[in-house]
Amino acid sequence: MNPNFWLVSGLILMFAELVIPGGIIIFLGGGGLVVALGIWSGLVTDWVSALTLFFISSLGLIVSLRSLVVKYAGGDSSKSNTLEILDAFGEVVKVVETIGPGEKSGRIQFRDTQWAALSDGSEILKGESARIIAIENVSYIVEKFTGAETDVS
């Protein structure tokens, strides 16, 4: 039983937290340091008790200190619209390949990319404008746009 092994392993794990962030690895390193202290103090004498102490101390550190560390050293976080498709509804787009009639698919130009599109059953010719009304799988559902707006994405 070499306490230096546990000390070095614990420090390596703690420094690994800088490279692999997540807030868990540092506590595993702390468990290694606890085992090293247990070996130096004579409380830990064999591998079974060393591994048991490592698992228990690591789990105890994670459960008791992780929320505190996250609270004060939280890191970067942001909240954004995870349903980006909701932003697309109502957008006026240009038809680049005739859509319809019926269920015949075509293509639209939306946000500098061409997308598969289906119509509401009517035919929308190439070059005309359409409004996005829904999405089905990977195809936009559009309707012919006849409004006075000229803003076409």
C-alpha atoms as a PDB file:
ATOM      1  CA  MET A   1       0.000   0.000   0.000  1.00  0.00           C
ATOM      2  CA  ASN A   2       1.728   3.093  -1.262  1.00  0.00           C
ATOM      3  CA  PRO A   3       0.089   6.386  -0.248  1.00  0.00           C
ATOM      4  CA  ASN A   4       2.093   8.213  -2.934  1.00  0.00           C
ATOM      5  CA  PHE A   5       0.155   6.298  -5.621  1.00  0.00           C
ATOM      6  CA  TRP A   6      -3.141   7.586  -4.238  1.00  0.00           C
ATOM      7  CA  LEU A   7      -1.750  11.095  -3.729  1.00  0.00           C
ATOM      8  CA  VAL A   8      -0.424  11.372  -7.296  1.00  0.00           C
ATOM      9  CA  SER A   9      -3.564   9.760  -8.755  1.00  0.00           C
ATOM     10  CA  GLY A  10      -5.771  12.144  -6.816  1.00  0.00           C
ATOM     11  CA  LEU A  11      -3.801  15.194  -7.953  1.00  0.00           C
ATOM     12  CA  ILE A  12      -3.845  14.016 -11.576  1.00  0.00           C
ATOM     13  CA  LEU A  13      -7.618  13.608 -11.412  1.00  0.00           C
ATOM     14  CA  MET A  14      -8.026  17.043  -9.859  1.00  0.00           C
ATOM     15  CA  PHE A  15      -5.906  18.673 -12.578  1.00  0.00           C
ATOM     16  CA  ALA A  16      -7.793  16.661 -15.215  1.00  0.00           C
ATOM     17  CA  GLU A  17     -10.871  18.670 -14.238  1.00  0.00           C
ATOM     18  CA  LEU A  18      -9.245  21.651 -15.953  1.00  0.00           C
ATOM     19  CA  VAL A  19      -9.063  19.722 -19.231  1.00  0.00           C
ATOM     20  CA  ILE A  20     -12.258  17.676 -18.906  1.00  0.00           C
ATOM     21  CA  PRO A  21     -14.748  19.962 -17.161  1.00  0.00           C
ATOM     22  CA  GLY A  22     -17.909  18.570 -15.686  1.00  0.00           C
ATOM     23  CA  GLY A  23     -17.575  18.955 -11.938  1.00  0.00           C
ATOM     24  CA  ILE A  24     -17.129  15.258 -11.101  1.00  0.00           C
ATOM     25  CA  ILE A  25     -13.498  14.351 -11.719  1.00  0.00           C
ATOM     26  CA  ILE A  26     -12.239  16.787  -9.085  1.00  0.00           C
ATOM     27  CA  PHE A  27     -14.215  14.897  -6.437  1.00  0.00           C
ATOM     28  CA  LEU A  28     -12.740  11.589  -7.568  1.00  0.00           C
ATOM     29  CA  GLY A  29      -9.337  13.200  -7.055  1.00  0.00           C
ATOM     30  CA  GLY A  30     -10.456  14.286  -3.615  1.00  0.00           C
ATOM     31  CA  GLY A  31     -11.365  10.669  -2.881  1.00  0.00           C
ATOM     32  CA  GLY A  32      -7.824   9.677  -3.849  1.00  0.00           C
ATOM     33  CA  LEU A  33      -6.423  12.250  -1.411  1.00  0.00           C
ATOM     34  CA  VAL A  34      -8.673  10.903   1.364  1.00  0.00           C
ATOM     35  CA  VAL A  35      -7.343   7.386   0.728  1.00  0.00           C
ATOM     36  CA  ALA A  36      -3.746   8.665   0.815  1.00  0.00           C
ATOM     37  CA  LEU A  37      -4.467  10.281   4.203  1.00  0.00           C
ATOM     38  CA  GLY A  38      -6.071   7.039   5.417  1.00  0.00           C
ATOM     39  CA  ILE A  39      -2.978   5.032   4.438  1.00  0.00           C
ATOM     40  CA  TRP A  40      -0.596   7.551   6.069  1.00  0.00           C
ATOM     41  CA  SER A  41      -2.630   7.512   9.272  1.00  0.00           C
ATOM     42  CA  GLY A  42      -2.673   3.692   9.368  1.00  0.00           C
ATOM     43  CA  LEU A  43      -6.483   3.358   9.060  1.00  0.00           C
ATOM     44  CA  VAL A  44      -6.265   1.739   5.626  1.00  0.00           C
ATOM     45  CA  THR A  45      -4.095  -1.362   5.365  1.00  0.00           C
ATOM     46  CA  ASP A  46      -5.242  -3.320   2.305  1.00  0.00           C
ATOM     47  CA  TRP A  47      -6.558  -2.752  -1.245  1.00  0.00           C
ATOM     48  CA  VAL A  48     -10.123  -3.700  -0.392  1.00  0.00           C
ATOM     49  CA  SER A  49     -10.404  -1.068   2.308  1.00  0.00           C
ATOM     50  CA  ALA A  50      -8.557   1.464   0.092  1.00  0.00           C
ATOM     51  CA  LEU A  51     -11.000   0.969  -2.799  1.00  0.00           C
ATOM     52  CA  THR A  52     -13.972   0.996  -0.429  1.00  0.00           C
ATOM     53  CA  LEU A  53     -12.805   4.250   1.144  1.00  0.00           C
ATOM     54  CA  PHE A  54     -12.153   5.715  -2.322  1.00  0.00           C
ATOM     55  CA  PHE A  55     -15.669   4.937  -3.565  1.00  0.00           C
ATOM     56  CA  ILE A  56     -17.388   6.076  -0.394  1.00  0.00           C
ATOM     57  CA  SER A  57     -15.364   9.283  -0.023  1.00  0.00           C
ATOM     58  CA  SER A  58     -15.701  10.170  -3.720  1.00  0.00           C
ATOM     59  CA  LEU A  59     -19.457   9.636  -3.612  1.00  0.00           C
ATOM     60  CA  GLY A  60     -19.724  11.574  -0.363  1.00  0.00           C
ATOM     61  CA  LEU A  61     -17.777  14.506  -1.824  1.00  0.00           C
ATOM     62  CA  ILE A  62     -19.898  14.511  -4.990  1.00  0.00           C
ATOM     63  CA  VAL A  63     -23.181  14.412  -3.094  1.00  0.00           C
ATOM     64  CA  SER A  64     -22.218  16.960  -0.448  1.00  0.00           C
ATOM     65  CA  LEU A  65     -20.100  19.477  -2.345  1.00  0.00           C
ATOM     66  CA  ARG A  66     -21.051  19.412  -6.035  1.00  0.00           C
ATOM     67  CA  SER A  67     -24.098  21.673  -5.698  1.00  0.00           C
ATOM     68  CA  LEU A  68     -22.034  24.142  -3.643  1.00  0.00           C
ATOM     69  CA  VAL A  69     -19.222  24.211  -6.206  1.00  0.00           C
ATOM     70  CA  VAL A  70     -21.653  24.593  -9.112  1.00  0.00           C
ATOM     71  CA  LYS A  71     -23.371  27.452  -7.286  1.00  0.00           C
ATOM     72  CA  TYR A  72     -20.183  29.470  -6.794  1.00  0.00           C
ATOM     73  CA  ALA A  73     -18.074  28.353  -9.752  1.00  0.00           C
ATOM     74  CA  GLY A  74     -20.894  27.643 -12.148  1.00  0.00           C
ATOM     75  CA  GLY A  75     -19.222  28.260 -15.492  1.00  0.00           C
ATOM     76  CA  ASP A  76     -20.916  29.398 -18.669  1.00  0.00           C
ATOM     77  CA  SER A  77     -24.556  28.716 -19.334  1.00  0.00           C
ATOM     78  CA  SER A  78     -27.084  30.130 -21.702  1.00  0.00           C
ATOM     79  CA  LYS A  79     -30.725  29.687 -22.454  1.00  0.00           C
ATOM     80  CA  SER A  80     -31.797  29.823 -26.042  1.00  0.00           C
ATOM     81  CA  ASN A  81     -34.762  28.849 -28.105  1.00  0.00           C
ATOM     82  CA  THR A  82     -34.539  25.089 -28.366  1.00  0.00           C
ATOM     83  CA  LEU A  83     -37.523  25.032 -30.677  1.00  0.00           C
ATOM     84  CA  GLU A  84     -35.992  27.048 -33.511  1.00  0.00           C
ATOM     85  CA  ILE A  85     -38.691  25.806 -35.848  1.00  0.00           C
ATOM     86  CA  LEU A  86     -41.165  28.060 -34.051  1.00  0.00           C
ATOM     87  CA  ASP A  87     -39.203  31.033 -35.394  1.00  0.00           C
ATOM     88  CA  ALA A  88     -39.769  29.761 -38.947  1.00  0.00           C
ATOM     89  CA  PHE A  89     -43.572  29.773 -38.857  1.00  0.00           C
ATOM     90  CA  GLY A  90     -44.968  32.647 -40.887  1.00  0.00           C
ATOM     91  CA  GLU A  91     -41.678  33.354 -42.696  1.00  0.00           C
ATOM     92  CA  VAL A  92     -41.994  34.238 -46.369  1.00  0.00           C
ATOM     93  CA  VAL A  93     -39.659  32.207 -48.582  1.00  0.00           C
ATOM     94  CA  LYS A  94     -38.843  31.883 -52.272  1.00  0.00           C
ATOM     95  CA  VAL A  95     -39.788  28.707 -54.145  1.00  0.00           C
ATOM     96  CA  VAL A  96     -36.764  27.409 -56.085  1.00  0.00           C
ATOM     97  CA  GLU A  97     -38.397  24.218 -57.421  1.00  0.00           C
ATOM     98  CA  THR A  98     -42.116  23.958 -58.185  1.00  0.00           C
ATOM     99  CA  ILE A  99     -44.132  22.494 -55.322  1.00  0.00           C
ATOM    100  CA  GLY A 100     -47.295  20.469 -55.885  1.00  0.00           C
ATOM    101  CA  PRO A 101     -49.971  19.990 -56.942  1.00  0.00           C
ATOM    102  CA  GLY A 102     -51.064  17.454 -54.373  1.00  0.00           C
ATOM    103  CA  GLU A 103     -48.247  15.791 -52.467  1.00  0.00           C
ATOM    104  CA  LYS A 104     -45.486  16.512 -55.001  1.00  0.00           C
ATOM    105  CA  SER A 105     -42.547  17.993 -53.130  1.00  0.00           C
ATOM    106  CA  GLY A 106     -40.393  20.877 -54.260  1.00  0.00           C
ATOM    107  CA  ARG A 107     -37.731  23.102 -52.729  1.00  0.00           C
ATOM    108  CA  ILE A 108     -37.654  26.476 -51.000  1.00  0.00           C
ATOM    109  CA  GLN A 109     -34.850  28.905 -50.180  1.00  0.00           C
ATOM    110  CA  PHE A 110     -34.892  29.597 -46.437  1.00  0.00           C
ATOM    111  CA  ARG A 111     -32.067  31.178 -44.429  1.00  0.00           C
ATOM    112  CA  ASP A 112     -29.567  30.780 -47.273  1.00  0.00           C
ATOM    113  CA  THR A 113     -30.258  27.045 -47.585  1.00  0.00           C
ATOM    114  CA  GLN A 114     -32.542  25.023 -49.817  1.00  0.00           C
ATOM    115  CA  TRP A 115     -35.077  22.831 -48.049  1.00  0.00           C
ATOM    116  CA  ALA A 116     -37.600  20.211 -49.161  1.00  0.00           C
ATOM    117  CA  ALA A 117     -41.124  21.580 -49.098  1.00  0.00           C
ATOM    118  CA  LEU A 118     -44.700  20.408 -49.548  1.00  0.00           C
ATOM    119  CA  SER A 119     -47.662  22.624 -50.275  1.00  0.00           C
ATOM    120  CA  ASP A 120     -51.101  22.751 -48.769  1.00  0.00           C
ATOM    121  CA  GLY A 121     -52.282  20.860 -51.870  1.00  0.00           C
ATOM    122  CA  SER A 122     -52.064  23.677 -54.375  1.00  0.00           C
ATOM    123  CA  GLU A 123     -49.318  24.229 -56.940  1.00  0.00           C
ATOM    124  CA  ILE A 124     -46.700  26.887 -56.157  1.00  0.00           C
ATOM    125  CA  LEU A 125     -44.492  27.659 -59.140  1.00  0.00           C
ATOM    126  CA  LYS A 126     -40.759  28.246 -59.148  1.00  0.00           C
ATOM    127  CA  GLY A 127     -39.977  31.906 -58.418  1.00  0.00           C
ATOM    128  CA  GLU A 128     -43.171  32.544 -56.462  1.00  0.00           C
ATOM    129  CA  SER A 129     -43.298  33.351 -52.765  1.00  0.00           C
ATOM    130  CA  ALA A 130     -44.650  31.038 -50.091  1.00  0.00           C
ATOM    131  CA  ARG A 131     -45.259  31.242 -46.358  1.00  0.00           C
ATOM    132  CA  ILE A 132     -44.134  28.494 -43.973  1.00  0.00           C
ATOM    133  CA  ILE A 133     -47.112  27.132 -42.050  1.00  0.00           C
ATOM    134  CA  ALA A 134     -45.782  23.872 -40.563  1.00  0.00           C
ATOM    135  CA  ILE A 135     -43.064  21.246 -40.669  1.00  0.00           C
ATOM    136  CA  GLU A 136     -43.437  17.526 -41.232  1.00  0.00           C
ATOM    137  CA  ASN A 137     -40.338  15.391 -40.639  1.00  0.00           C
ATOM    138  CA  VAL A 138     -37.649  17.211 -42.669  1.00  0.00           C
ATOM    139  CA  SER A 139     -39.976  19.057 -45.061  1.00  0.00           C
ATOM    140  CA  TYR A 140     -41.521  22.463 -44.623  1.00  0.00           C
ATOM    141  CA  ILE A 141     -45.229  22.802 -45.347  1.00  0.00           C
ATOM    142  CA  VAL A 142     -45.923  26.039 -47.203  1.00  0.00           C
ATOM    143  CA  GLU A 143     -48.848  27.927 -48.683  1.00  0.00           C
ATOM    144  CA  LYS A 144     -48.842  30.342 -51.587  1.00  0.00           C
ATOM    145  CA  PHE A 145     -48.084  33.869 -50.437  1.00  0.00           C
ATOM    146  CA  THR A 146     -49.981  36.574 -52.232  1.00  0.00           C
ATOM    147  CA  GLY A 147     -49.496  39.443 -49.771  1.00  0.00           C
ATOM    148  CA  ALA A 148     -48.041  42.843 -50.546  1.00  0.00           C
ATOM    149  CA  GLU A 149     -44.865  42.068 -48.582  1.00  0.00           C
ATOM    150  CA  THR A 150     -41.747  41.830 -50.672  1.00  0.00           C
ATOM    151  CA  ASP A 151     -39.405  40.592 -47.931  1.00  0.00           C
ATOM    152  CA  VAL A 152     -38.350  37.158 -49.231  1.00  0.00           C
ATOM    153  CA  SER A 153     -35.639  35.265 -47.317  1.00  0.00           C
END
